[in-house]
Amino acid sequence: MPNKKSAQKELRKSVKREAANVKVKNVMKTTVKKSLKKVLAEDKSVKEDLALIMKAVDKAAKKGVIKKQAANRKKSRLAKKINSLK
């Protein structure tokens, strides 16, 4: 435990921030995983979910949970896989 008052406050803040980041990251990861399962199963309905997937990834990038370029890379790779379904 920190000894100084400011360090204690910073610890409390970091715990709250971590909890919020974990929540956003989990939502993003689950939507991506669900879409990848649909792609592997060659389910055509995944094309309709593309907007929701992009939204979750963009939200994580906007909140600073992942970097902007990492979000762009994830979206690009997912879109490529989804658009390859015929």
PDB file of N, CA and C in Angstrom:
ATOM      1  N   MET A   1       0.836  -1.187   0.000  1.00  0.00           N
ATOM      2  CA  MET A   1       0.000   0.000   0.000  1.00  0.00           C
ATOM      3  C   MET A   1       0.879   1.248   0.000  1.00  0.00           C
ATOM      4  N   PRO A   2       0.439   2.237  -0.778  1.00  0.00           N
ATOM      5  CA  PRO A   2       1.178   3.502  -0.796  1.00  0.00           C
ATOM      6  C   PRO A   2       1.058   4.237   0.536  1.00  0.00           C
ATOM      7  N   ASN A   3       2.070   5.008   0.852  1.00  0.00           N
ATOM      8  CA  ASN A   3       2.059   5.745   2.109  1.00  0.00           C
ATOM      9  C   ASN A   3       1.499   7.153   1.963  1.00  0.00           C
ATOM     10  N   LYS A   4       1.794   7.807   0.859  1.00  0.00           N
ATOM     11  CA  LYS A   4       1.348   9.184   0.673  1.00  0.00           C
ATOM     12  C   LYS A   4      -0.106   9.231   0.235  1.00  0.00           C
ATOM     13  N   LYS A   5      -0.763  10.308   0.607  1.00  0.00           N
ATOM     14  CA  LYS A   5      -2.184  10.470   0.314  1.00  0.00           C
ATOM     15  C   LYS A   5      -2.431  10.511  -1.194  1.00  0.00           C
ATOM     16  N   SER A   6      -1.573  11.213  -1.924  1.00  0.00           N
ATOM     17  CA  SER A   6      -1.749  11.318  -3.372  1.00  0.00           C
ATOM     18  C   SER A   6      -1.534   9.968  -4.051  1.00  0.00           C
ATOM     19  N   ALA A   7      -0.614   9.180  -3.527  1.00  0.00           N
ATOM     20  CA  ALA A   7      -0.361   7.858  -4.097  1.00  0.00           C
ATOM     21  C   ALA A   7      -1.531   6.923  -3.829  1.00  0.00           C
ATOM     22  N   GLN A   8      -2.158   7.057  -2.666  1.00  0.00           N
ATOM     23  CA  GLN A   8      -3.338   6.248  -2.358  1.00  0.00           C
ATOM     24  C   GLN A   8      -4.484   6.589  -3.308  1.00  0.00           C
ATOM     25  N   LYS A   9      -4.654   7.888  -3.550  1.00  0.00           N
ATOM     26  CA  LYS A   9      -5.711   8.328  -4.453  1.00  0.00           C
ATOM     27  C   LYS A   9      -5.448   7.816  -5.870  1.00  0.00           C
ATOM     28  N   GLU A  10      -4.210   7.884  -6.308  1.00  0.00           N
ATOM     29  CA  GLU A  10      -3.853   7.413  -7.646  1.00  0.00           C
ATOM     30  C   GLU A  10      -4.104   5.915  -7.784  1.00  0.00           C
ATOM     31  N   LEU A  11      -3.853   5.175  -6.724  1.00  0.00           N
ATOM     32  CA  LEU A  11      -4.128   3.739  -6.735  1.00  0.00           C
ATOM     33  C   LEU A  11      -5.621   3.473  -6.893  1.00  0.00           C
ATOM     34  N   ARG A  12      -6.439   4.219  -6.158  1.00  0.00           N
ATOM     35  CA  ARG A  12      -7.898   4.064  -6.278  1.00  0.00           C
ATOM     36  C   ARG A  12      -8.360   4.387  -7.694  1.00  0.00           C
ATOM     37  N   LYS A  13      -7.812   5.454  -8.264  1.00  0.00           N
ATOM     38  CA  LYS A  13      -8.188   5.858  -9.614  1.00  0.00           C
ATOM     39  C   LYS A  13      -7.790   4.801 -10.641  1.00  0.00           C
ATOM     40  N   SER A  14      -6.601   4.258 -10.466  1.00  0.00           N
ATOM     41  CA  SER A  14      -6.132   3.270 -11.441  1.00  0.00           C
ATOM     42  C   SER A  14      -6.964   1.991 -11.382  1.00  0.00           C
ATOM     43  N   VAL A  15      -7.435   1.630 -10.197  1.00  0.00           N
ATOM     44  CA  VAL A  15      -8.287   0.438 -10.063  1.00  0.00           C
ATOM     45  C   VAL A  15      -9.606   0.661 -10.798  1.00  0.00           C
ATOM     46  N   LYS A  16     -10.177   1.856 -10.653  1.00  0.00           N
ATOM     47  CA  LYS A  16     -11.430   2.169 -11.344  1.00  0.00           C
ATOM     48  C   LYS A  16     -11.239   2.175 -12.861  1.00  0.00           C
ATOM     49  N   ARG A  17     -10.140   2.788 -13.308  1.00  0.00           N
ATOM     50  CA  ARG A  17      -9.869   2.846 -14.741  1.00  0.00           C
ATOM     51  C   ARG A  17      -9.665   1.456 -15.323  1.00  0.00           C
ATOM     52  N   GLU A  18      -8.957   0.614 -14.572  1.00  0.00           N
ATOM     53  CA  GLU A  18      -8.701  -0.741 -15.055  1.00  0.00           C
ATOM     54  C   GLU A  18      -9.995  -1.509 -15.213  1.00  0.00           C
ATOM     55  N   ALA A  19     -10.922  -1.354 -14.255  1.00  0.00           N
ATOM     56  CA  ALA A  19     -12.200  -2.051 -14.330  1.00  0.00           C
ATOM     57  C   ALA A  19     -12.989  -1.604 -15.562  1.00  0.00           C
ATOM     58  N   ALA A  20     -12.982  -0.304 -15.833  1.00  0.00           N
ATOM     59  CA  ALA A  20     -13.698   0.202 -17.002  1.00  0.00           C
ATOM     60  C   ALA A  20     -13.059  -0.305 -18.290  1.00  0.00           C
ATOM     61  N   ASN A  21     -11.725  -0.312 -18.344  1.00  0.00           N
ATOM     62  CA  ASN A  21     -11.032  -0.779 -19.537  1.00  0.00           C
ATOM     63  C   ASN A  21     -11.270  -2.259 -19.786  1.00  0.00           C
ATOM     64  N   VAL A  22     -11.290  -3.047 -18.719  1.00  0.00           N
ATOM     65  CA  VAL A  22     -11.521  -4.486 -18.853  1.00  0.00           C
ATOM     66  C   VAL A  22     -12.911  -4.743 -19.422  1.00  0.00           C
ATOM     67  N   LYS A  23     -13.882  -3.965 -18.979  1.00  0.00           N
ATOM     68  CA  LYS A  23     -15.251  -4.141 -19.459  1.00  0.00           C
ATOM     69  C   LYS A  23     -15.339  -3.861 -20.959  1.00  0.00           C
ATOM     70  N   VAL A  24     -14.748  -2.762 -21.393  1.00  0.00           N
ATOM     71  CA  VAL A  24     -14.782  -2.402 -22.812  1.00  0.00           C
ATOM     72  C   VAL A  24     -14.036  -3.436 -23.645  1.00  0.00           C
ATOM     73  N   LYS A  25     -12.891  -3.871 -23.144  1.00  0.00           N
ATOM     74  CA  LYS A  25     -12.075  -4.844 -23.874  1.00  0.00           C
ATOM     75  C   LYS A  25     -12.795  -6.192 -23.986  1.00  0.00           C
ATOM     76  N   ASN A  26     -13.476  -6.600 -22.927  1.00  0.00           N
ATOM     77  CA  ASN A  26     -14.204  -7.870 -22.968  1.00  0.00           C
ATOM     78  C   ASN A  26     -15.336  -7.830 -23.982  1.00  0.00           C
ATOM     79  N   VAL A  27     -16.056  -6.719 -24.051  1.00  0.00           N
ATOM     80  CA  VAL A  27     -17.135  -6.587 -25.031  1.00  0.00           C
ATOM     81  C   VAL A  27     -16.569  -6.700 -26.438  1.00  0.00           C
ATOM     82  N   MET A  28     -15.459  -6.017 -26.664  1.00  0.00           N
ATOM     83  CA  MET A  28     -14.829  -6.061 -27.975  1.00  0.00           C
ATOM     84  C   MET A  28     -14.383  -7.480 -28.323  1.00  0.00           C
ATOM     85  N   LYS A  29     -13.713  -8.123 -27.390  1.00  0.00           N
ATOM     86  CA  LYS A  29     -13.195  -9.468 -27.649  1.00  0.00           C
ATOM     87  C   LYS A  29     -14.315 -10.466 -27.920  1.00  0.00           C
ATOM     88  N   THR A  30     -15.401 -10.399 -27.153  1.00  0.00           N
ATOM     89  CA  THR A  30     -16.480 -11.361 -27.354  1.00  0.00           C
ATOM     90  C   THR A  30     -17.162 -11.167 -28.696  1.00  0.00           C
ATOM     91  N   THR A  31     -17.366  -9.909 -29.120  1.00  0.00           N
ATOM     92  CA  THR A  31     -17.988  -9.696 -30.432  1.00  0.00           C
ATOM     93  C   THR A  31     -17.083 -10.196 -31.552  1.00  0.00           C
ATOM     94  N   VAL A  32     -15.788  -9.978 -31.408  1.00  0.00           N
ATOM     95  CA  VAL A  32     -14.847 -10.441 -32.429  1.00  0.00           C
ATOM     96  C   VAL A  32     -14.814 -11.963 -32.467  1.00  0.00           C
ATOM     97  N   LYS A  33     -14.785 -12.597 -31.303  1.00  0.00           N
ATOM     98  CA  LYS A  33     -14.742 -14.060 -31.253  1.00  0.00           C
ATOM     99  C   LYS A  33     -16.007 -14.672 -31.845  1.00  0.00           C
ATOM    100  N   LYS A  34     -17.168 -14.084 -31.524  1.00  0.00           N
ATOM    101  CA  LYS A  34     -18.427 -14.598 -32.069  1.00  0.00           C
ATOM    102  C   LYS A  34     -18.442 -14.495 -33.589  1.00  0.00           C
ATOM    103  N   SER A  35     -17.940 -13.384 -34.097  1.00  0.00           N
ATOM    104  CA  SER A  35     -17.929 -13.203 -35.546  1.00  0.00           C
ATOM    105  C   SER A  35     -16.970 -14.193 -36.209  1.00  0.00           C
ATOM    106  N   LEU A  36     -15.823 -14.433 -35.582  1.00  0.00           N
ATOM    107  CA  LEU A  36     -14.879 -15.392 -36.160  1.00  0.00           C
ATOM    108  C   LEU A  36     -15.449 -16.800 -36.179  1.00  0.00           C
ATOM    109  N   LYS A  37     -16.222 -17.142 -35.137  1.00  0.00           N
ATOM    110  CA  LYS A  37     -16.869 -18.458 -35.129  1.00  0.00           C
ATOM    111  C   LYS A  37     -17.859 -18.572 -36.278  1.00  0.00           C
ATOM    112  N   LYS A  38     -18.600 -17.481 -36.535  1.00  0.00           N
ATOM    113  CA  LYS A  38     -19.561 -17.485 -37.633  1.00  0.00           C
ATOM    114  C   LYS A  38     -18.846 -17.580 -38.974  1.00  0.00           C
ATOM    115  N   VAL A  39     -17.698 -16.925 -39.088  1.00  0.00           N
ATOM    116  CA  VAL A  39     -16.934 -16.977 -40.330  1.00  0.00           C
ATOM    117  C   VAL A  39     -16.451 -18.402 -40.577  1.00  0.00           C
ATOM    118  N   LEU A  40     -15.945 -19.056 -39.526  1.00  0.00           N
ATOM    119  CA  LEU A  40     -15.468 -20.431 -39.682  1.00  0.00           C
ATOM    120  C   LEU A  40     -16.608 -21.386 -40.023  1.00  0.00           C
ATOM    121  N   ALA A  41     -17.802 -21.083 -39.497  1.00  0.00           N
ATOM    122  CA  ALA A  41     -18.966 -21.914 -39.803  1.00  0.00           C
ATOM    123  C   ALA A  41     -19.605 -21.520 -41.132  1.00  0.00           C
ATOM    124  N   GLU A  42     -19.030 -20.501 -41.782  1.00  0.00           N
ATOM    125  CA  GLU A  42     -19.516 -19.977 -43.053  1.00  0.00           C
ATOM    126  C   GLU A  42     -20.981 -19.543 -42.956  1.00  0.00           C
ATOM    127  N   ASP A  43     -21.295 -18.864 -41.870  1.00  0.00           N
ATOM    128  CA  ASP A  43     -22.642 -18.332 -41.641  1.00  0.00           C
ATOM    129  C   ASP A  43     -22.764 -16.979 -42.332  1.00  0.00           C
ATOM    130  N   LYS A  44     -23.749 -16.826 -43.182  1.00  0.00           N
ATOM    131  CA  LYS A  44     -23.914 -15.592 -43.956  1.00  0.00           C
ATOM    132  C   LYS A  44     -24.401 -14.430 -43.095  1.00  0.00           C
ATOM    133  N   SER A  45     -24.987 -14.704 -41.942  1.00  0.00           N
ATOM    134  CA  SER A  45     -25.541 -13.635 -41.112  1.00  0.00           C
ATOM    135  C   SER A  45     -24.474 -12.758 -40.469  1.00  0.00           C
ATOM    136  N   VAL A  46     -23.233 -13.164 -40.573  1.00  0.00           N
ATOM    137  CA  VAL A  46     -22.150 -12.383 -39.971  1.00  0.00           C
ATOM    138  C   VAL A  46     -21.965 -11.055 -40.709  1.00  0.00           C
ATOM    139  N   LYS A  47     -22.353 -10.992 -41.977  1.00  0.00           N
ATOM    140  CA  LYS A  47     -22.241  -9.745 -42.730  1.00  0.00           C
ATOM    141  C   LYS A  47     -23.141  -8.666 -42.143  1.00  0.00           C
ATOM    142  N   GLU A  48     -24.272  -9.067 -41.579  1.00  0.00           N
ATOM    143  CA  GLU A  48     -25.183  -8.109 -40.954  1.00  0.00           C
ATOM    144  C   GLU A  48     -24.623  -7.611 -39.620  1.00  0.00           C
ATOM    145  N   ASP A  49     -23.798  -8.403 -38.980  1.00  0.00           N
ATOM    146  CA  ASP A  49     -23.214  -8.024 -37.692  1.00  0.00           C
ATOM    147  C   ASP A  49     -21.959  -7.179 -37.837  1.00  0.00           C
ATOM    148  N   LEU A  50     -21.534  -6.933 -39.054  1.00  0.00           N
ATOM    149  CA  LEU A  50     -20.278  -6.220 -39.285  1.00  0.00           C
ATOM    150  C   LEU A  50     -20.279  -4.831 -38.658  1.00  0.00           C
ATOM    151  N   ALA A  51     -21.402  -4.129 -38.722  1.00  0.00           N
ATOM    152  CA  ALA A  51     -21.486  -2.780 -38.146  1.00  0.00           C
ATOM    153  C   ALA A  51     -21.322  -2.821 -36.628  1.00  0.00           C
ATOM    154  N   LEU A  52     -21.907  -3.829 -35.995  1.00  0.00           N
ATOM    155  CA  LEU A  52     -21.785  -3.950 -34.532  1.00  0.00           C
ATOM    156  C   LEU A  52     -20.355  -4.276 -34.123  1.00  0.00           C
ATOM    157  N   ILE A  53     -19.698  -5.080 -34.915  1.00  0.00           N
ATOM    158  CA  ILE A  53     -18.310  -5.443 -34.628  1.00  0.00           C
ATOM    159  C   ILE A  53     -17.417  -4.213 -34.744  1.00  0.00           C
ATOM    160  N   MET A  54     -17.607  -3.462 -35.824  1.00  0.00           N
ATOM    161  CA  MET A  54     -16.815  -2.251 -36.036  1.00  0.00           C
ATOM    162  C   MET A  54     -17.054  -1.237 -34.920  1.00  0.00           C
ATOM    163  N   LYS A  55     -18.303  -1.150 -34.473  1.00  0.00           N
ATOM    164  CA  LYS A  55     -18.649  -0.212 -33.402  1.00  0.00           C
ATOM    165  C   LYS A  55     -17.916  -0.562 -32.113  1.00  0.00           C
ATOM    166  N   ALA A  56     -17.874  -1.843 -31.784  1.00  0.00           N
ATOM    167  CA  ALA A  56     -17.211  -2.271 -30.551  1.00  0.00           C
ATOM    168  C   ALA A  56     -15.708  -2.002 -30.605  1.00  0.00           C
ATOM    169  N   VAL A  57     -15.102  -2.259 -31.749  1.00  0.00           N
ATOM    170  CA  VAL A  57     -13.665  -2.029 -31.900  1.00  0.00           C
ATOM    171  C   VAL A  57     -13.361  -0.534 -31.869  1.00  0.00           C
ATOM    172  N   ASP A  58     -14.191   0.263 -32.535  1.00  0.00           N
ATOM    173  CA  ASP A  58     -13.998   1.714 -32.542  1.00  0.00           C
ATOM    174  C   ASP A  58     -14.149   2.310 -31.149  1.00  0.00           C
ATOM    175  N   LYS A  59     -15.100   1.787 -30.396  1.00  0.00           N
ATOM    176  CA  LYS A  59     -15.328   2.292 -29.041  1.00  0.00           C
ATOM    177  C   LYS A  59     -14.118   2.006 -28.153  1.00  0.00           C
ATOM    178  N   ALA A  60     -13.531   0.830 -28.304  1.00  0.00           N
ATOM    179  CA  ALA A  60     -12.336   0.486 -27.527  1.00  0.00           C
ATOM    180  C   ALA A  60     -11.180   1.412 -27.892  1.00  0.00           C
ATOM    181  N   ALA A  61     -11.061   1.740 -29.172  1.00  0.00           N
ATOM    182  CA  ALA A  61      -9.990   2.633 -29.603  1.00  0.00           C
ATOM    183  C   ALA A  61     -10.232   4.056 -29.107  1.00  0.00           C
ATOM    184  N   LYS A  62     -11.469   4.475 -29.152  1.00  0.00           N
ATOM    185  CA  LYS A  62     -11.797   5.835 -28.721  1.00  0.00           C
ATOM    186  C   LYS A  62     -11.525   6.027 -27.232  1.00  0.00           C
ATOM    187  N   LYS A  63     -11.797   5.017 -26.447  1.00  0.00           N
ATOM    188  CA  LYS A  63     -11.581   5.105 -25.010  1.00  0.00           C
ATOM    189  C   LYS A  63     -10.132   4.854 -24.614  1.00  0.00           C
ATOM    190  N   GLY A  64      -9.298   4.512 -25.591  1.00  0.00           N
ATOM    191  CA  GLY A  64      -7.888   4.332 -25.310  1.00  0.00           C
ATOM    192  C   GLY A  64      -7.524   2.957 -24.788  1.00  0.00           C
ATOM    193  N   VAL A  65      -8.439   2.014 -24.891  1.00  0.00           N
ATOM    194  CA  VAL A  65      -8.160   0.655 -24.433  1.00  0.00           C
ATOM    195  C   VAL A  65      -7.188  -0.033 -25.383  1.00  0.00           C
ATOM    196  N   ILE A  66      -7.385   0.183 -26.677  1.00  0.00           N
ATOM    197  CA  ILE A  66      -6.426  -0.275 -27.674  1.00  0.00           C
ATOM    198  C   ILE A  66      -6.037   0.937 -28.523  1.00  0.00           C
ATOM    199  N   LYS A  67      -4.926   0.822 -29.218  1.00  0.00           N
ATOM    200  CA  LYS A  67      -4.465   1.941 -30.031  1.00  0.00           C
ATOM    201  C   LYS A  67      -5.268   2.018 -31.324  1.00  0.00           C
ATOM    202  N   LYS A  68      -5.260   3.210 -31.920  1.00  0.00           N
ATOM    203  CA  LYS A  68      -6.059   3.463 -33.114  1.00  0.00           C
ATOM    204  C   LYS A  68      -5.659   2.549 -34.268  1.00  0.00           C
ATOM    205  N   GLN A  69      -4.359   2.388 -34.476  1.00  0.00           N
ATOM    206  CA  GLN A  69      -3.906   1.545 -35.581  1.00  0.00           C
ATOM    207  C   GLN A  69      -4.232   0.078 -35.329  1.00  0.00           C
ATOM    208  N   ALA A  70      -4.199  -0.353 -34.070  1.00  0.00           N
ATOM    209  CA  ALA A  70      -4.568  -1.732 -33.746  1.00  0.00           C
ATOM    210  C   ALA A  70      -6.039  -1.966 -34.067  1.00  0.00           C
ATOM    211  N   ALA A  71      -6.868  -0.968 -33.788  1.00  0.00           N
ATOM    212  CA  ALA A  71      -8.294  -1.070 -34.103  1.00  0.00           C
ATOM    213  C   ALA A  71      -8.499  -1.144 -35.611  1.00  0.00           C
ATOM    214  N   ASN A  72      -7.784  -0.304 -36.348  1.00  0.00           N
ATOM    215  CA  ASN A  72      -7.898  -0.329 -37.812  1.00  0.00           C
ATOM    216  C   ASN A  72      -7.464  -1.672 -38.375  1.00  0.00           C
ATOM    217  N   ARG A  73      -6.409  -2.223 -37.810  1.00  0.00           N
ATOM    218  CA  ARG A  73      -5.908  -3.518 -38.276  1.00  0.00           C
ATOM    219  C   ARG A  73      -6.924  -4.624 -37.998  1.00  0.00           C
ATOM    220  N   LYS A  74      -7.517  -4.619 -36.793  1.00  0.00           N
ATOM    221  CA  LYS A  74      -8.529  -5.622 -36.451  1.00  0.00           C
ATOM    222  C   LYS A  74      -9.726  -5.532 -37.392  1.00  0.00           C
ATOM    223  N   LYS A  75     -10.189  -4.307 -37.619  1.00  0.00           N
ATOM    224  CA  LYS A  75     -11.354  -4.108 -38.485  1.00  0.00           C
ATOM    225  C   LYS A  75     -11.061  -4.559 -39.907  1.00  0.00           C
ATOM    226  N   SER A  76      -9.886  -4.243 -40.392  1.00  0.00           N
ATOM    227  CA  SER A  76      -9.526  -4.614 -41.749  1.00  0.00           C
ATOM    228  C   SER A  76      -9.470  -6.129 -41.920  1.00  0.00           C
ATOM    229  N   ARG A  77      -8.832  -6.796 -40.972  1.00  0.00           N
ATOM    230  CA  ARG A  77      -8.704  -8.251 -41.065  1.00  0.00           C
ATOM    231  C   ARG A  77     -10.057  -8.938 -40.952  1.00  0.00           C
ATOM    232  N   LEU A  78     -10.912  -8.432 -40.050  1.00  0.00           N
ATOM    233  CA  LEU A  78     -12.248  -9.011 -39.915  1.00  0.00           C
ATOM    234  C   LEU A  78     -13.073  -8.798 -41.175  1.00  0.00           C
ATOM    235  N   ALA A  79     -13.026  -7.583 -41.709  1.00  0.00           N
ATOM    236  CA  ALA A  79     -13.804  -7.286 -42.914  1.00  0.00           C
ATOM    237  C   ALA A  79     -13.332  -8.155 -44.070  1.00  0.00           C
ATOM    238  N   LYS A  80     -12.036  -8.365 -44.157  1.00  0.00           N
ATOM    239  CA  LYS A  80     -11.497  -9.196 -45.238  1.00  0.00           C
ATOM    240  C   LYS A  80     -12.015 -10.626 -45.125  1.00  0.00           C
ATOM    241  N   LYS A  81     -12.026 -11.157 -43.904  1.00  0.00           N
ATOM    242  CA  LYS A  81     -12.520 -12.523 -43.696  1.00  0.00           C
ATOM    243  C   LYS A  81     -14.008 -12.625 -43.968  1.00  0.00           C
ATOM    244  N   ILE A  82     -14.751 -11.615 -43.502  1.00  0.00           N
ATOM    245  CA  ILE A  82     -16.208 -11.658 -43.674  1.00  0.00           C
ATOM    246  C   ILE A  82     -16.578 -11.497 -45.144  1.00  0.00           C
ATOM    247  N   ASN A  83     -15.904 -10.595 -45.855  1.00  0.00           N
ATOM    248  CA  ASN A  83     -16.215 -10.374 -47.268  1.00  0.00           C
ATOM    249  C   ASN A  83     -15.777 -11.524 -48.154  1.00  0.00           C
ATOM    250  N   SER A  84     -14.897 -12.387 -47.643  1.00  0.00           N
ATOM    251  CA  SER A  84     -14.464 -13.527 -48.438  1.00  0.00           C
ATOM    252  C   SER A  84     -15.527 -14.632 -48.475  1.00  0.00           C
ATOM    253  N   LEU A  85     -16.516 -14.542 -47.583  1.00  0.00           N
ATOM    254  CA  LEU A  85     -17.607 -15.541 -47.592  1.00  0.00           C
ATOM    255  C   LEU A  85     -18.449 -15.359 -48.845  1.00  0.00           C
ATOM    256  N   LYS A  86     -18.809 -16.451 -49.438  1.00  0.00           N
ATOM    257  CA  LYS A  86     -19.644 -16.368 -50.653  1.00  0.00           C
ATOM    258  C   LYS A  86     -20.923 -17.100 -50.461  1.00  0.00           C
TER     259      LYS A  86
END
